[in-house]
Amino acid sequence: MKLDELVLHPSPVSESIFLGTMKKDIKSGFYKWVNKIDFTEQFWSCLAEFGRNKLTQNETDKITFIEEFKSGLKLEIKVTKG
């Protein structure tokens, strides 16, 4: 598996996030995931750690991260001390 062949994909039927490649199945003719690496838990842990660090740096009890995508979609993540 080559690193430049991996593509980040949200799972179409669950909340999983993974890297992987697709390969055409000879029998069915459909594409299937191969070399799939699920890193959902690591993603959420990293996001939580990032939020905690920003709270500490800014010496505040809450912070909001906002990302606007080319499609017009706006993602807003709020982090608070609990």
N, C-alpha and C. Protein backbone atom coordinates (compact mmCIF):
# COMPACT_ATOMS: atom_id res chain seq x y z
N MET A 1 0.85 -1.17 0.00
CA MET A 1 0.00 0.00 0.00
C MET A 1 0.90 1.23 0.00
N LYS A 2 0.63 2.16 -0.91
CA LYS A 2 1.40 3.38 -1.01
C LYS A 2 0.66 4.51 -0.32
N LEU A 3 1.38 5.34 0.39
CA LEU A 3 0.77 6.43 1.14
C LEU A 3 -0.04 7.36 0.25
N ASP A 4 0.44 7.65 -0.94
CA ASP A 4 -0.30 8.57 -1.82
C ASP A 4 -1.57 7.96 -2.40
N GLU A 5 -1.80 6.66 -2.20
CA GLU A 5 -3.03 6.01 -2.65
C GLU A 5 -4.13 6.08 -1.60
N LEU A 6 -3.76 6.37 -0.36
CA LEU A 6 -4.75 6.42 0.71
C LEU A 6 -5.59 7.68 0.60
N VAL A 7 -6.86 7.54 0.88
CA VAL A 7 -7.79 8.66 0.83
C VAL A 7 -8.60 8.66 2.11
N LEU A 8 -8.84 9.84 2.70
CA LEU A 8 -9.64 9.96 3.90
C LEU A 8 -11.11 9.87 3.52
N HIS A 9 -11.85 9.01 4.20
CA HIS A 9 -13.27 8.82 3.89
C HIS A 9 -14.09 8.79 5.17
N PRO A 10 -15.19 9.54 5.22
CA PRO A 10 -16.15 9.30 6.29
C PRO A 10 -16.92 8.06 5.89
N SER A 11 -17.24 7.22 6.83
CA SER A 11 -17.98 6.01 6.51
C SER A 11 -19.40 6.36 6.11
N PRO A 12 -19.91 5.80 5.01
CA PRO A 12 -21.24 6.18 4.53
C PRO A 12 -22.39 5.68 5.41
N VAL A 13 -22.16 4.67 6.25
CA VAL A 13 -23.26 4.11 7.03
C VAL A 13 -23.01 4.14 8.54
N SER A 14 -21.99 4.83 8.98
CA SER A 14 -21.71 4.91 10.41
C SER A 14 -20.94 6.19 10.69
N GLU A 15 -20.50 6.36 11.92
CA GLU A 15 -19.75 7.55 12.30
C GLU A 15 -18.25 7.32 12.24
N SER A 16 -17.82 6.26 11.60
CA SER A 16 -16.39 5.94 11.51
C SER A 16 -15.68 6.87 10.54
N ILE A 17 -14.41 7.09 10.82
CA ILE A 17 -13.54 7.87 9.95
C ILE A 17 -12.34 6.98 9.66
N PHE A 18 -11.99 6.82 8.38
CA PHE A 18 -10.90 5.92 8.07
C PHE A 18 -10.14 6.35 6.83
N LEU A 19 -8.93 5.82 6.73
CA LEU A 19 -8.12 5.93 5.52
C LEU A 19 -8.22 4.59 4.81
N GLY A 20 -8.16 4.60 3.50
CA GLY A 20 -8.20 3.34 2.80
C GLY A 20 -8.11 3.51 1.30
N THR A 21 -8.12 2.39 0.63
CA THR A 21 -8.15 2.38 -0.83
C THR A 21 -9.29 1.48 -1.26
N MET A 22 -9.75 1.65 -2.49
CA MET A 22 -10.83 0.82 -3.01
C MET A 22 -10.28 -0.05 -4.14
N LYS A 23 -10.85 -1.25 -4.23
CA LYS A 23 -10.44 -2.18 -5.26
C LYS A 23 -11.69 -2.83 -5.82
N LYS A 24 -11.72 -3.03 -7.12
CA LYS A 24 -12.88 -3.64 -7.75
C LYS A 24 -12.87 -5.14 -7.48
N ASP A 25 -14.00 -5.64 -6.96
CA ASP A 25 -14.15 -7.07 -6.70
C ASP A 25 -14.45 -7.77 -8.03
N ILE A 26 -13.66 -8.76 -8.36
CA ILE A 26 -13.79 -9.43 -9.66
C ILE A 26 -15.14 -10.15 -9.78
N LYS A 27 -15.59 -10.82 -8.73
CA LYS A 27 -16.84 -11.59 -8.79
C LYS A 27 -18.07 -10.70 -8.91
N SER A 28 -18.17 -9.70 -8.04
CA SER A 28 -19.38 -8.87 -8.01
C SER A 28 -19.32 -7.68 -8.96
N GLY A 29 -18.12 -7.23 -9.27
CA GLY A 29 -17.97 -6.04 -10.11
C GLY A 29 -18.06 -4.74 -9.33
N PHE A 30 -18.35 -4.84 -8.03
CA PHE A 30 -18.45 -3.66 -7.18
C PHE A 30 -17.10 -3.34 -6.56
N TYR A 31 -16.93 -2.08 -6.17
CA TYR A 31 -15.71 -1.69 -5.46
C TYR A 31 -15.88 -2.00 -3.98
N LYS A 32 -14.80 -2.43 -3.35
CA LYS A 32 -14.82 -2.69 -1.91
C LYS A 32 -13.59 -2.05 -1.28
N TRP A 33 -13.69 -1.79 0.01
CA TRP A 33 -12.57 -1.19 0.73
C TRP A 33 -11.51 -2.23 1.02
N VAL A 34 -10.27 -1.86 0.77
CA VAL A 34 -9.13 -2.69 1.15
C VAL A 34 -8.14 -1.78 1.87
N ASN A 35 -7.28 -2.36 2.66
CA ASN A 35 -6.28 -1.58 3.42
C ASN A 35 -6.94 -0.49 4.25
N LYS A 36 -8.09 -0.81 4.82
CA LYS A 36 -8.86 0.18 5.58
C LYS A 36 -8.27 0.34 6.98
N ILE A 37 -7.98 1.59 7.36
CA ILE A 37 -7.43 1.89 8.68
C ILE A 37 -8.42 2.80 9.39
N ASP A 38 -9.10 2.26 10.40
CA ASP A 38 -10.09 3.04 11.15
C ASP A 38 -9.37 3.82 12.24
N PHE A 39 -9.54 5.12 12.25
CA PHE A 39 -8.92 5.92 13.30
C PHE A 39 -9.92 6.86 13.96
N THR A 40 -11.17 6.40 14.09
CA THR A 40 -12.23 7.20 14.70
C THR A 40 -11.88 7.59 16.13
N GLU A 41 -11.48 6.61 16.94
CA GLU A 41 -11.17 6.88 18.35
C GLU A 41 -10.00 7.85 18.48
N GLN A 42 -8.97 7.66 17.67
CA GLN A 42 -7.82 8.56 17.71
C GLN A 42 -8.22 9.98 17.30
N PHE A 43 -9.11 10.11 16.31
CA PHE A 43 -9.58 11.42 15.87
C PHE A 43 -10.25 12.16 17.01
N TRP A 44 -11.20 11.51 17.70
CA TRP A 44 -11.93 12.18 18.78
C TRP A 44 -11.02 12.48 19.96
N SER A 45 -10.09 11.59 20.27
CA SER A 45 -9.14 11.84 21.36
C SER A 45 -8.24 13.03 21.03
N CYS A 46 -7.79 13.10 19.80
CA CYS A 46 -6.94 14.21 19.36
C CYS A 46 -7.71 15.53 19.41
N LEU A 47 -8.96 15.52 18.97
CA LEU A 47 -9.79 16.72 18.99
C LEU A 47 -10.01 17.19 20.43
N ALA A 48 -10.26 16.25 21.34
CA ALA A 48 -10.46 16.60 22.75
C ALA A 48 -9.19 17.20 23.35
N GLU A 49 -8.05 16.61 23.05
CA GLU A 49 -6.77 17.11 23.56
C GLU A 49 -6.48 18.50 23.01
N PHE A 50 -6.75 18.70 21.73
CA PHE A 50 -6.55 20.00 21.09
C PHE A 50 -7.42 21.05 21.78
N GLY A 51 -8.68 20.72 22.01
CA GLY A 51 -9.59 21.65 22.69
C GLY A 51 -9.12 21.99 24.09
N ARG A 52 -8.68 20.97 24.83
CA ARG A 52 -8.19 21.20 26.19
C ARG A 52 -6.97 22.11 26.20
N ASN A 53 -6.06 21.89 25.26
CA ASN A 53 -4.86 22.73 25.17
C ASN A 53 -5.22 24.18 24.86
N LYS A 54 -6.17 24.39 23.95
CA LYS A 54 -6.59 25.76 23.61
C LYS A 54 -7.26 26.44 24.79
N LEU A 55 -8.05 25.69 25.57
CA LEU A 55 -8.67 26.26 26.77
C LEU A 55 -7.60 26.72 27.76
N THR A 56 -6.59 25.89 27.94
CA THR A 56 -5.50 26.22 28.87
C THR A 56 -4.71 27.43 28.37
N GLN A 57 -4.38 27.45 27.08
CA GLN A 57 -3.62 28.56 26.51
C GLN A 57 -4.36 29.89 26.64
N ASN A 58 -5.65 29.86 26.41
CA ASN A 58 -6.45 31.08 26.42
C ASN A 58 -7.01 31.42 27.80
N GLU A 59 -6.75 30.56 28.78
CA GLU A 59 -7.22 30.75 30.15
C GLU A 59 -8.70 31.12 30.18
N THR A 60 -9.50 30.26 29.56
CA THR A 60 -10.94 30.48 29.49
C THR A 60 -11.68 29.17 29.78
N ASP A 61 -13.00 29.26 30.00
CA ASP A 61 -13.80 28.07 30.28
C ASP A 61 -14.48 27.50 29.05
N LYS A 62 -14.52 28.28 27.97
CA LYS A 62 -15.12 27.76 26.74
C LYS A 62 -14.50 28.42 25.52
N ILE A 63 -14.51 27.67 24.43
CA ILE A 63 -13.94 28.15 23.17
C ILE A 63 -14.73 27.50 22.03
N THR A 64 -14.84 28.21 20.91
CA THR A 64 -15.56 27.69 19.75
C THR A 64 -14.65 27.72 18.53
N PHE A 65 -14.58 26.60 17.84
CA PHE A 65 -13.83 26.50 16.59
C PHE A 65 -14.84 26.50 15.45
N ILE A 66 -14.62 27.33 14.44
CA ILE A 66 -15.53 27.41 13.29
C ILE A 66 -14.73 27.22 12.01
N GLU A 67 -15.22 26.35 11.16
CA GLU A 67 -14.60 26.11 9.85
C GLU A 67 -15.68 26.22 8.78
N GLU A 68 -15.43 27.04 7.78
CA GLU A 68 -16.36 27.15 6.65
C GLU A 68 -15.72 26.52 5.43
N PHE A 69 -16.45 25.63 4.78
CA PHE A 69 -15.95 24.91 3.62
C PHE A 69 -16.41 25.57 2.33
N LYS A 70 -15.74 25.24 1.23
CA LYS A 70 -16.08 25.81 -0.07
C LYS A 70 -17.53 25.55 -0.44
N SER A 71 -18.08 24.43 0.02
CA SER A 71 -19.45 24.06 -0.29
C SER A 71 -20.48 24.95 0.40
N GLY A 72 -20.00 25.77 1.36
CA GLY A 72 -20.92 26.60 2.13
C GLY A 72 -21.25 25.99 3.48
N LEU A 73 -20.88 24.73 3.68
CA LEU A 73 -21.10 24.06 4.96
C LEU A 73 -20.25 24.72 6.03
N LYS A 74 -20.84 24.92 7.19
CA LYS A 74 -20.13 25.54 8.31
C LYS A 74 -20.11 24.54 9.47
N LEU A 75 -18.92 24.23 9.96
CA LEU A 75 -18.74 23.31 11.07
C LEU A 75 -18.34 24.11 12.29
N GLU A 76 -19.08 23.92 13.38
CA GLU A 76 -18.81 24.66 14.61
C GLU A 76 -18.64 23.65 15.74
N ILE A 77 -17.51 23.70 16.43
CA ILE A 77 -17.23 22.80 17.54
C ILE A 77 -17.02 23.65 18.78
N LYS A 78 -17.83 23.37 19.81
CA LYS A 78 -17.72 24.12 21.07
C LYS A 78 -17.08 23.23 22.12
N VAL A 79 -16.09 23.78 22.80
CA VAL A 79 -15.38 23.05 23.85
C VAL A 79 -15.55 23.82 25.15
N THR A 80 -15.95 23.12 26.22
CA THR A 80 -16.10 23.76 27.53
C THR A 80 -15.44 22.91 28.59
N LYS A 81 -14.99 23.57 29.65
CA LYS A 81 -14.45 22.84 30.80
C LYS A 81 -15.63 22.26 31.55
N GLY A 82 -15.50 21.01 31.96
CA GLY A 82 -16.62 20.37 32.63
C GLY A 82 -16.30 19.84 33.98
